[in-house]
C-alpha atoms as a PDB file:
ATOM      1  CA  MET A   1     -67.602 116.321 132.482  1.00  0.00           C
ATOM      2  CA  SER A   2     -69.149 118.519 130.103  1.00  0.00           C
ATOM      3  CA  ILE A   3     -68.665 121.651 128.016  1.00  0.00           C
ATOM      4  CA  GLU A   4     -71.184 124.183 127.360  1.00  0.00           C
ATOM      5  CA  THR A   5     -69.916 127.398 126.167  1.00  0.00           C
ATOM      6  CA  ALA A   6     -72.774 130.777 126.047  1.00  0.00           C
ATOM      7  CA  SER A   7     -72.605 130.834 122.273  1.00  0.00           C
ATOM      8  CA  GLY A   8     -32.949 142.091 133.464  1.00  0.00           C
ATOM      9  CA  ALA A   9     -33.127 145.315 132.030  1.00  0.00           C
ATOM     10  CA  ILE A  10     -35.217 146.234 128.309  1.00  0.00           C
ATOM     11  CA  GLY A  11     -33.473 146.550 125.573  1.00  0.00           C
ATOM     12  CA  THR A  12     -33.331 149.269 122.348  1.00  0.00           C
ATOM     13  CA  ASP A  13     -33.551 146.663 119.921  1.00  0.00           C
ATOM     14  CA  PRO A  14     -36.515 144.443 120.505  1.00  0.00           C
ATOM     15  CA  GLU A  15     -34.966 141.656 118.330  1.00  0.00           C
ATOM     16  CA  SER A  16     -31.865 141.686 120.605  1.00  0.00           C
ATOM     17  CA  SER A  17     -34.006 142.148 123.882  1.00  0.00           C
ATOM     18  CA  PRO A  18     -33.704 139.627 127.060  1.00  0.00           C
ATOM     19  CA  PHE A  19     -37.268 140.640 127.941  1.00  0.00           C
ATOM     20  CA  LEU A  20     -38.427 137.865 125.458  1.00  0.00           C
ATOM     21  CA  VAL A  21     -38.944 134.739 126.098  1.00  0.00           C
ATOM     22  CA  ASP A  22     -37.644 132.769 123.321  1.00  0.00           C
ATOM     23  CA  SER A  23     -34.475 134.998 123.541  1.00  0.00           C
ATOM     24  CA  VAL A  24     -33.474 132.385 126.580  1.00  0.00           C
ATOM     25  CA  ASP A  25     -32.038 129.755 124.727  1.00  0.00           C
ATOM     26  CA  SER A  26     -32.967 127.377 127.714  1.00  0.00           C
ATOM     27  CA  VAL A  27     -37.134 128.735 126.891  1.00  0.00           C
ATOM     28  CA  GLU A  28     -36.539 127.027 123.674  1.00  0.00           C
ATOM     29  CA  SER A  29     -36.515 123.503 123.997  1.00  0.00           C
ATOM     30  CA  ALA A  30     -39.680 124.337 126.519  1.00  0.00           C
ATOM     31  CA  GLY A  31     -41.478 124.375 123.570  1.00  0.00           C
ATOM     32  CA  LEU A  32     -41.310 128.149 123.550  1.00  0.00           C
ATOM     33  CA  GLN A  33     -39.929 129.227 119.913  1.00  0.00           C
ATOM     34  CA  ARG A  34     -42.169 132.647 119.371  1.00  0.00           C
ATOM     35  CA  SER A  35     -41.931 136.465 119.911  1.00  0.00           C
ATOM     36  CA  VAL A  36     -43.754 139.405 120.589  1.00  0.00           C
ATOM     37  CA  HIS A  37     -43.529 142.904 118.320  1.00  0.00           C
ATOM     38  CA  ASP A  38     -46.461 145.385 118.705  1.00  0.00           C
ATOM     39  CA  GLY A  39     -49.310 143.026 119.719  1.00  0.00           C
ATOM     40  CA  VAL A  40     -48.851 139.988 116.462  1.00  0.00           C
ATOM     41  CA  ILE A  41     -46.746 137.203 117.501  1.00  0.00           C
ATOM     42  CA  LYS A  42     -44.703 136.230 114.613  1.00  0.00           C
ATOM     43  CA  GLY A  43     -45.284 132.283 114.450  1.00  0.00           C
ATOM     44  CA  ASP A  44     -42.844 129.516 113.255  1.00  0.00           C
ATOM     45  CA  ASP A  45     -44.165 129.577 109.672  1.00  0.00           C
ATOM     46  CA  GLY A  46     -43.792 133.403 109.786  1.00  0.00           C
ATOM     47  CA  GLN A  47     -47.256 134.335 109.577  1.00  0.00           C
ATOM     48  CA  THR A  48     -48.446 137.198 112.090  1.00  0.00           C
ATOM     49  CA  ILE A  49     -50.831 136.038 114.736  1.00  0.00           C
ATOM     50  CA  PRO A  50     -52.532 138.634 116.681  1.00  0.00           C
ATOM     51  CA  VAL A  51     -52.732 138.459 120.781  1.00  0.00           C
ATOM     52  CA  LYS A  52     -55.725 137.259 122.217  1.00  0.00           C
ATOM     53  CA  LEU A  53     -55.258 136.422 125.708  1.00  0.00           C
ATOM     54  CA  SER A  54     -57.356 133.648 127.640  1.00  0.00           C
ATOM     55  CA  ILE A  55     -57.946 134.218 131.278  1.00  0.00           C
ATOM     56  CA  MET A  56     -58.529 130.825 133.395  1.00  0.00           C
ATOM     57  CA  MET A  57     -60.655 131.204 136.337  1.00  0.00           C
ATOM     58  CA  ALA A  58     -61.081 128.577 138.876  1.00  0.00           C
ATOM     59  CA  ALA A  59     -64.630 128.202 141.063  1.00  0.00           C
ATOM     60  CA  TYR A  60     -65.305 126.377 144.180  1.00  0.00           C
ATOM     61  CA  ASN A  61     -67.965 127.327 146.109  1.00  0.00           C
ATOM     62  CA  GLU A  62     -67.875 131.362 145.579  1.00  0.00           C
ATOM     63  CA  GLU A  63     -71.572 132.204 144.809  1.00  0.00           C
ATOM     64  CA  LEU A  64     -70.895 135.558 146.763  1.00  0.00           C
ATOM     65  CA  THR A  65     -68.621 136.743 143.954  1.00  0.00           C
ATOM     66  CA  ILE A  66     -68.139 135.156 141.069  1.00  0.00           C
ATOM     67  CA  GLU A  67     -70.685 137.136 139.062  1.00  0.00           C
ATOM     68  CA  ARG A  68     -68.866 140.563 139.910  1.00  0.00           C
ATOM     69  CA  ALA A  69     -65.881 138.637 139.468  1.00  0.00           C
ATOM     70  CA  VAL A  70     -66.507 137.346 135.799  1.00  0.00           C
ATOM     71  CA  LYS A  71     -69.111 140.587 134.855  1.00  0.00           C
ATOM     72  CA  GLY A  72     -65.927 142.695 136.092  1.00  0.00           C
ATOM     73  CA  ILE A  73     -63.294 140.857 134.098  1.00  0.00           C
ATOM     74  CA  LEU A  74     -66.044 140.664 131.234  1.00  0.00           C
ATOM     75  CA  GLN A  75     -66.481 144.944 131.355  1.00  0.00           C
ATOM     76  CA  VAL A  76     -63.109 145.578 131.518  1.00  0.00           C
ATOM     77  CA  ARG A  77     -61.841 147.443 127.586  1.00  0.00           C
ATOM     78  CA  TYR A  78     -58.785 144.980 126.170  1.00  0.00           C
ATOM     79  CA  PRO A  79     -55.994 145.746 124.185  1.00  0.00           C
ATOM     80  CA  CYS A  80     -56.553 142.803 122.365  1.00  0.00           C
ATOM     81  CA  GLU A  81     -59.219 140.036 121.935  1.00  0.00           C
ATOM     82  CA  ILE A  82     -60.356 138.056 125.095  1.00  0.00           C
ATOM     83  CA  GLU A  83     -61.922 134.621 126.391  1.00  0.00           C
ATOM     84  CA  LEU A  84     -62.766 133.619 129.372  1.00  0.00           C
ATOM     85  CA  ILE A  85     -62.745 130.132 130.759  1.00  0.00           C
ATOM     86  CA  VAL A  86     -64.239 129.120 133.934  1.00  0.00           C
ATOM     87  CA  VAL A  87     -63.782 125.844 135.117  1.00  0.00           C
ATOM     88  CA  ASP A  88     -66.353 125.383 138.244  1.00  0.00           C
ATOM     89  CA  ASP A  89     -64.685 122.507 140.406  1.00  0.00           C
ATOM     90  CA  GLY A  90     -67.694 120.926 141.775  1.00  0.00           C
ATOM     91  CA  SER A  91     -69.122 123.993 143.987  1.00  0.00           C
ATOM     92  CA  THR A  92     -72.032 122.900 146.075  1.00  0.00           C
ATOM     93  CA  ASP A  93     -73.281 126.120 146.442  1.00  0.00           C
ATOM     94  CA  ARG A  94     -75.198 128.325 143.704  1.00  0.00           C
ATOM     95  CA  THR A  95     -71.820 128.782 141.568  1.00  0.00           C
ATOM     96  CA  LEU A  96     -72.616 127.164 138.718  1.00  0.00           C
ATOM     97  CA  HIS A  97     -76.208 128.295 138.730  1.00  0.00           C
ATOM     98  CA  ILE A  98     -74.978 131.790 138.478  1.00  0.00           C
ATOM     99  CA  LEU A  99     -72.587 130.953 135.768  1.00  0.00           C
ATOM    100  CA  LYS A 100     -74.887 129.420 133.507  1.00  0.00           C
ATOM    101  CA  GLU A 101     -77.178 132.728 133.668  1.00  0.00           C
ATOM    102  CA  ILE A 102     -74.173 134.279 131.757  1.00  0.00           C
ATOM    103  CA  ASP A 103     -74.544 135.335 127.930  1.00  0.00           C
ATOM    104  CA  ASP A 104     -71.508 136.720 126.403  1.00  0.00           C
ATOM    105  CA  PRO A 105     -69.920 135.113 123.525  1.00  0.00           C
ATOM    106  CA  ARG A 106     -66.247 135.491 124.925  1.00  0.00           C
ATOM    107  CA  PHE A 107     -67.660 133.000 127.767  1.00  0.00           C
ATOM    108  CA  ILE A 108     -66.497 129.866 128.274  1.00  0.00           C
ATOM    109  CA  LEU A 109     -68.142 127.349 131.257  1.00  0.00           C
ATOM    110  CA  HIS A 110     -66.571 123.853 132.187  1.00  0.00           C
ATOM    111  CA  SER A 111     -67.376 122.028 134.810  1.00  0.00           C
ATOM    112  CA  HIS A 112     -66.063 119.304 136.866  1.00  0.00           C
ATOM    113  CA  ASP A 113     -68.672 116.368 138.489  1.00  0.00           C
ATOM    114  CA  MET A 114     -66.720 116.548 141.915  1.00  0.00           C
ATOM    115  CA  ASN A 115     -63.974 118.581 143.574  1.00  0.00           C
ATOM    116  CA  GLN A 116     -60.893 118.225 142.299  1.00  0.00           C
ATOM    117  CA  GLY A 117     -58.419 121.365 143.330  1.00  0.00           C
ATOM    118  CA  LYS A 118     -57.656 124.419 141.920  1.00  0.00           C
ATOM    119  CA  GLY A 119     -54.813 123.684 139.866  1.00  0.00           C
ATOM    120  CA  ALA A 120     -56.640 120.961 138.543  1.00  0.00           C
ATOM    121  CA  SER A 121     -59.202 123.301 137.607  1.00  0.00           C
ATOM    122  CA  ILE A 122     -56.749 125.752 136.037  1.00  0.00           C
ATOM    123  CA  LEU A 123     -54.880 122.800 133.971  1.00  0.00           C
ATOM    124  CA  THR A 124     -58.744 122.371 132.120  1.00  0.00           C
ATOM    125  CA  ALA A 125     -59.369 125.735 131.929  1.00  0.00           C
ATOM    126  CA  ALA A 126     -55.696 125.648 129.594  1.00  0.00           C
ATOM    127  CA  SER A 127     -56.662 122.829 127.886  1.00  0.00           C
ATOM    128  CA  LEU A 128     -59.445 124.933 126.404  1.00  0.00           C
ATOM    129  CA  ALA A 129     -57.860 128.364 125.913  1.00  0.00           C
ATOM    130  CA  THR A 130     -57.348 128.831 122.273  1.00  0.00           C
ATOM    131  CA  GLY A 131     -55.409 132.431 122.887  1.00  0.00           C
ATOM    132  CA  THR A 132     -51.504 133.235 122.568  1.00  0.00           C
ATOM    133  CA  HIS A 133     -51.277 133.641 125.939  1.00  0.00           C
ATOM    134  CA  ILE A 134     -52.884 132.690 129.376  1.00  0.00           C
ATOM    135  CA  VAL A 135     -53.386 134.071 132.893  1.00  0.00           C
ATOM    136  CA  PRO A 136     -55.375 132.820 135.867  1.00  0.00           C
ATOM    137  CA  PHE A 137     -57.681 134.906 138.065  1.00  0.00           C
ATOM    138  CA  ASP A 138     -59.234 134.302 140.973  1.00  0.00           C
ATOM    139  CA  ALA A 139     -63.098 134.587 141.753  1.00  0.00           C
ATOM    140  CA  ASP A 140     -63.313 136.067 145.119  1.00  0.00           C
ATOM    141  CA  LEU A 141     -61.837 139.656 143.982  1.00  0.00           C
ATOM    142  CA  GLU A 142     -59.189 139.832 145.921  1.00  0.00           C
ATOM    143  CA  TYR A 143     -57.141 140.687 142.244  1.00  0.00           C
ATOM    144  CA  SER A 144     -58.948 143.541 140.158  1.00  0.00           C
ATOM    145  CA  PRO A 145     -59.652 142.940 136.611  1.00  0.00           C
ATOM    146  CA  GLU A 146     -58.221 146.094 135.318  1.00  0.00           C
ATOM    147  CA  ASP A 147     -55.220 144.804 136.382  1.00  0.00           C
ATOM    148  CA  LEU A 148     -55.013 142.733 133.124  1.00  0.00           C
ATOM    149  CA  VAL A 149     -54.567 145.428 131.121  1.00  0.00           C
ATOM    150  CA  ASN A 150     -51.301 146.546 132.440  1.00  0.00           C
ATOM    151  CA  LEU A 151     -50.325 143.258 132.405  1.00  0.00           C
ATOM    152  CA  LEU A 152     -50.555 143.212 128.727  1.00  0.00           C
ATOM    153  CA  GLY A 153     -48.531 146.282 127.967  1.00  0.00           C
ATOM    154  CA  PRO A 154     -45.238 144.832 128.150  1.00  0.00           C
ATOM    155  CA  VAL A 155     -46.627 142.151 125.784  1.00  0.00           C
ATOM    156  CA  MET A 156     -48.048 144.355 123.104  1.00  0.00           C
ATOM    157  CA  LYS A 157     -45.490 146.410 122.892  1.00  0.00           C
ATOM    158  CA  GLY A 158     -43.770 143.342 122.099  1.00  0.00           C
ATOM    159  CA  ARG A 159     -40.938 143.963 125.148  1.00  0.00           C
ATOM    160  CA  TYR A 160     -41.521 140.778 127.385  1.00  0.00           C
ATOM    161  CA  ASP A 161     -44.044 137.163 127.002  1.00  0.00           C
ATOM    162  CA  VAL A 162     -43.775 136.420 130.948  1.00  0.00           C
ATOM    163  CA  VAL A 163     -45.828 139.412 132.808  1.00  0.00           C
ATOM    164  CA  TYR A 164     -45.982 139.009 136.871  1.00  0.00           C
ATOM    165  CA  GLY A 165     -48.812 141.692 138.335  1.00  0.00           C
ATOM    166  CA  VAL A 166     -47.175 141.729 141.898  1.00  0.00           C
ATOM    167  CA  ARG A 167     -48.507 143.019 145.041  1.00  0.00           C
ATOM    168  CA  LEU A 168     -46.130 145.598 147.053  1.00  0.00           C
ATOM    169  CA  PHE A 169     -46.240 146.088 150.338  1.00  0.00           C
ATOM    170  CA  GLY A 170     -47.646 149.495 151.576  1.00  0.00           C
ATOM    171  CA  CYS A 171     -49.056 150.053 147.870  1.00  0.00           C
ATOM    172  CA  ASN A 172     -52.155 149.610 146.986  1.00  0.00           C
ATOM    173  CA  THR A 173     -52.645 146.427 148.900  1.00  0.00           C
ATOM    174  CA  VAL A 174     -54.928 145.567 152.376  1.00  0.00           C
ATOM    175  CA  TYR A 175     -53.839 142.578 153.589  1.00  0.00           C
ATOM    176  CA  GLN A 176     -56.266 140.667 156.343  1.00  0.00           C
ATOM    177  CA  SER A 177     -53.261 138.584 157.982  1.00  0.00           C
ATOM    178  CA  TYR A 178     -50.030 139.948 158.575  1.00  0.00           C
ATOM    179  CA  ARG A 179     -49.255 136.256 159.143  1.00  0.00           C
ATOM    180  CA  TYR A 180     -50.150 135.355 155.527  1.00  0.00           C
ATOM    181  CA  ALA A 181     -48.192 138.412 154.626  1.00  0.00           C
ATOM    182  CA  ILE A 182     -45.077 138.111 155.682  1.00  0.00           C
ATOM    183  CA  GLY A 183     -45.306 134.366 154.949  1.00  0.00           C
ATOM    184  CA  ASN A 184     -45.237 135.348 151.359  1.00  0.00           C
ATOM    185  CA  ARG A 185     -41.996 137.792 151.691  1.00  0.00           C
ATOM    186  CA  VAL A 186     -40.300 134.460 153.723  1.00  0.00           C
ATOM    187  CA  LEU A 187     -41.278 132.344 151.108  1.00  0.00           C
ATOM    188  CA  THR A 188     -40.318 134.778 148.245  1.00  0.00           C
ATOM    189  CA  HIS A 189     -37.234 135.527 150.208  1.00  0.00           C
ATOM    190  CA  PHE A 190     -36.372 131.667 149.784  1.00  0.00           C
ATOM    191  CA  THR A 191     -37.381 131.468 146.554  1.00  0.00           C
ATOM    192  CA  ASN A 192     -35.123 134.213 145.901  1.00  0.00           C
ATOM    193  CA  ILE A 193     -31.996 132.017 147.282  1.00  0.00           C
ATOM    194  CA  LEU A 194     -32.612 128.873 146.046  1.00  0.00           C
ATOM    195  CA  TYR A 195     -33.310 130.409 142.538  1.00  0.00           C
ATOM    196  CA  ASN A 196     -30.804 132.715 142.343  1.00  0.00           C
ATOM    197  CA  SER A 197     -33.800 134.859 140.876  1.00  0.00           C
ATOM    198  CA  TYR A 198     -35.349 138.408 142.461  1.00  0.00           C
ATOM    199  CA  LEU A 199     -39.127 138.438 142.678  1.00  0.00           C
ATOM    200  CA  ASN A 200     -41.220 140.619 144.539  1.00  0.00           C
ATOM    201  CA  ASP A 201     -43.724 138.207 145.040  1.00  0.00           C
ATOM    202  CA  LEU A 202     -44.123 134.776 144.811  1.00  0.00           C
ATOM    203  CA  HIS A 203     -47.673 133.819 145.154  1.00  0.00           C
ATOM    204  CA  THR A 204     -49.584 136.219 142.837  1.00  0.00           C
ATOM    205  CA  CYS A 205     -52.606 135.210 140.892  1.00  0.00           C
ATOM    206  CA  LEU A 206     -51.700 137.052 138.113  1.00  0.00           C
ATOM    207  CA  LYS A 207     -49.013 135.575 135.667  1.00  0.00           C
ATOM    208  CA  LEU A 208     -49.275 136.009 132.088  1.00  0.00           C
ATOM    209  CA  MET A 209     -47.427 133.930 129.541  1.00  0.00           C
ATOM    210  CA  PRO A 210     -47.653 132.032 126.421  1.00  0.00           C
ATOM    211  CA  LEU A 211     -50.059 129.399 126.422  1.00  0.00           C
ATOM    212  CA  SER A 212     -47.396 127.179 124.372  1.00  0.00           C
ATOM    213  CA  PHE A 213     -44.909 127.206 127.328  1.00  0.00           C
ATOM    214  CA  PHE A 214     -47.514 126.904 129.664  1.00  0.00           C
ATOM    215  CA  ARG A 215     -48.267 123.690 128.629  1.00  0.00           C
ATOM    216  CA  ASN A 216     -44.703 122.319 128.322  1.00  0.00           C
ATOM    217  CA  LEU A 217     -43.944 122.965 131.553  1.00  0.00           C
ATOM    218  CA  GLY A 218     -45.212 119.749 132.802  1.00  0.00           C
ATOM    219  CA  LEU A 219     -46.856 121.035 135.446  1.00  0.00           C
ATOM    220  CA  THR A 220     -48.620 118.086 138.001  1.00  0.00           C
ATOM    221  CA  GLU A 221     -49.752 120.045 140.969  1.00  0.00           C
ATOM    222  CA  THR A 222     -53.754 119.643 141.186  1.00  0.00           C
ATOM    223  CA  GLY A 223     -54.094 121.636 144.504  1.00  0.00           C
ATOM    224  CA  PHE A 224     -53.086 125.099 145.321  1.00  0.00           C
ATOM    225  CA  GLY A 225     -49.265 123.987 144.878  1.00  0.00           C
ATOM    226  CA  LEU A 226     -49.550 124.576 141.405  1.00  0.00           C
ATOM    227  CA  ASP A 227     -48.806 128.198 141.654  1.00  0.00           C
ATOM    228  CA  THR A 228     -45.709 127.565 143.085  1.00  0.00           C
ATOM    229  CA  GLN A 229     -44.410 125.061 140.580  1.00  0.00           C
ATOM    230  CA  VAL A 230     -45.222 127.175 137.553  1.00  0.00           C
ATOM    231  CA  THR A 231     -43.108 129.922 139.023  1.00  0.00           C
ATOM    232  CA  ALA A 232     -40.350 127.156 140.066  1.00  0.00           C
ATOM    233  CA  LEU A 233     -40.284 125.589 136.536  1.00  0.00           C
ATOM    234  CA  LEU A 234     -40.464 128.937 134.693  1.00  0.00           C
ATOM    235  CA  LEU A 235     -37.196 129.901 136.861  1.00  0.00           C
ATOM    236  CA  ARG A 236     -35.825 126.486 136.880  1.00  0.00           C
ATOM    237  CA  THR A 237     -35.658 126.746 132.837  1.00  0.00           C
ATOM    238  CA  GLY A 238     -34.268 130.338 133.344  1.00  0.00           C
ATOM    239  CA  VAL A 239     -37.272 132.598 132.249  1.00  0.00           C
ATOM    240  CA  ARG A 240     -37.338 135.965 134.557  1.00  0.00           C
ATOM    241  CA  PRO A 241     -40.775 137.659 135.031  1.00  0.00           C
ATOM    242  CA  PHE A 242     -41.557 140.881 134.176  1.00  0.00           C
ATOM    243  CA  GLU A 243     -42.964 142.018 137.135  1.00  0.00           C
ATOM    244  CA  VAL A 244     -45.705 145.193 137.104  1.00  0.00           C
ATOM    245  CA  PRO A 245     -47.878 146.824 140.510  1.00  0.00           C
ATOM    246  CA  ILE A 246     -50.749 145.632 140.780  1.00  0.00           C
ATOM    247  CA  SER A 247     -53.919 146.940 144.336  1.00  0.00           C
ATOM    248  CA  TYR A 248     -54.841 143.813 146.163  1.00  0.00           C
ATOM    249  CA  PHE A 249     -57.709 143.356 148.309  1.00  0.00           C
ATOM    250  CA  SER A 250     -57.374 140.399 150.573  1.00  0.00           C
ATOM    251  CA  ARG A 251     -60.220 138.387 152.516  1.00  0.00           C
ATOM    252  CA  SER A 252     -59.763 136.342 155.391  1.00  0.00           C
ATOM    253  CA  HIS A 253     -60.619 132.605 156.244  1.00  0.00           C
ATOM    254  CA  GLU A 254     -64.225 133.800 157.025  1.00  0.00           C
ATOM    255  CA  GLN A 255     -64.852 135.184 154.166  1.00  0.00           C
ATOM    256  CA  GLY A 256     -64.087 132.480 152.221  1.00  0.00           C
ATOM    257  CA  LYS A 257     -60.810 132.561 152.228  1.00  0.00           C
ATOM    258  CA  LYS A 258     -59.090 128.535 151.610  1.00  0.00           C
ATOM    259  CA  ILE A 259     -55.650 128.542 151.372  1.00  0.00           C
ATOM    260  CA  ASN A 260     -54.217 127.361 155.369  1.00  0.00           C
ATOM    261  CA  TRP A 261     -50.413 127.039 156.911  1.00  0.00           C
ATOM    262  CA  ARG A 262     -50.446 123.242 155.146  1.00  0.00           C
ATOM    263  CA  ASP A 263     -50.358 124.863 151.773  1.00  0.00           C
ATOM    264  CA  ALA A 264     -47.247 126.398 152.599  1.00  0.00           C
ATOM    265  CA  VAL A 265     -45.273 123.423 153.376  1.00  0.00           C
ATOM    266  CA  TRP A 266     -45.812 121.781 150.648  1.00  0.00           C
ATOM    267  CA  CYS A 267     -45.294 124.600 149.055  1.00  0.00           C
ATOM    268  CA  VAL A 268     -41.400 124.988 150.478  1.00  0.00           C
ATOM    269  CA  TRP A 269     -41.233 120.879 149.334  1.00  0.00           C
ATOM    270  CA  ILE A 270     -42.346 121.886 145.421  1.00  0.00           C
ATOM    271  CA  LEU A 271     -39.569 124.436 145.331  1.00  0.00           C
ATOM    272  CA  ILE A 272     -37.319 122.238 146.818  1.00  0.00           C
ATOM    273  CA  ARG A 273     -38.239 119.305 144.589  1.00  0.00           C
ATOM    274  CA  SER A 274     -38.591 121.451 141.735  1.00  0.00           C
ATOM    275  CA  ARG A 275     -34.675 122.708 141.744  1.00  0.00           C
ATOM    276  CA  VAL A 276     -33.270 119.634 142.617  1.00  0.00           C
ATOM    277  CA  ARG A 277     -34.790 117.930 139.840  1.00  0.00           C
ATOM    278  CA  ALA A 278     -34.613 118.432 135.865  1.00  0.00           C
ATOM    279  CA  PRO A 279     -37.991 120.031 134.264  1.00  0.00           C
ATOM    280  CA  LYS A 280     -40.296 116.939 133.015  1.00  0.00           C
ATOM    281  CA  ARG A 281     -42.057 118.615 130.011  1.00  0.00           C
ATOM    282  CA  ASP A 282     -44.826 117.103 128.300  1.00  0.00           C
ATOM    283  CA  ARG A 283     -44.828 117.903 124.624  1.00  0.00           C
ATOM    284  CA  SER A 284     -48.037 117.356 124.146  1.00  0.00           C
ATOM    285  CA  GLN A 285     -51.361 119.646 124.058  1.00  0.00           C
ATOM    286  CA  PRO A 286     -54.191 117.484 126.129  1.00  0.00           C
ATOM    287  CA  ALA A 287     -57.293 117.439 123.546  1.00  0.00           C
ATOM    288  CA  ILE A 288     -60.449 118.901 125.011  1.00  0.00           C
ATOM    289  CA  GLU A 289     -62.567 115.720 125.537  1.00  0.00           C
ATOM    290  CA  SER A 290     -59.229 114.003 127.147  1.00  0.00           C
ATOM    291  CA  THR A 291     -61.127 112.516 130.492  1.00  0.00           C
ATOM    292  CA  ALA A 292     -59.242 114.383 133.799  1.00  0.00           C
ATOM    293  CA  SER A 293     -57.815 111.104 134.575  1.00  0.00           C
ATOM    294  CA  GLN A 294     -55.778 111.420 131.020  1.00  0.00           C
ATOM    295  CA  ARG A 295     -54.876 114.945 131.234  1.00  0.00           C
ATOM    296  CA  TYR A 296     -53.741 115.156 134.905  1.00  0.00           C
END
């Protein structure tokens, strides 16, 4: 593989707010020991670090939407520095060729020689990320880049470090399939019962959190199951995400949607497995030059 680079309730006292991830005792053992205040992170050495968002995108045969998705993200005005890391997961169409034509200093392109799965692509992107926070973003234009700014709001204000963009039924959303919409609601409800949480959207793509926290969750899924595993281990650790409403424009299988009912069954297994097992955390941060087999 080669790397190509084109060039609860909000408390009144930020220090004691339960919305800061490092205010949860169990999170400190997961490797997250920093908090955000007014757009800067206070590191362990006492130095302040400006917030930087690493946007991670997995792409597999998305030639119809990839250029608009990437340019849409890069055209948004953000309240902090950003980088966009796109991992082409062994596409057999023109996706990689289109990506190579994009010229922006904030854009990083990485390619897998063969298809390894969406989860593997996101883990690769996370190993390349240099930001303080990360957020996945799909290449199929189902989500709006402008909503990333809304997710950054609680972080920049020092209110919360883990923010989910939630799709609210009947509000700024379009679902092509009733079964998919209800399926997500059922799985979300199941998750809330299993983990004593109150999420509104288990499988939203937009999950913003500190990079160090993401790397220390001990993630192992290489397919669509990574999305479920992130939330399961996060809830298992004791963190409850702050939820921000976003817009959503779903696409059908005819338009290229790849997830299916088998992924839903695997999702249930991941939720149960993660609940009954103590989370395994990998404290090592994978090097960029490591091979895929070593990382995953």
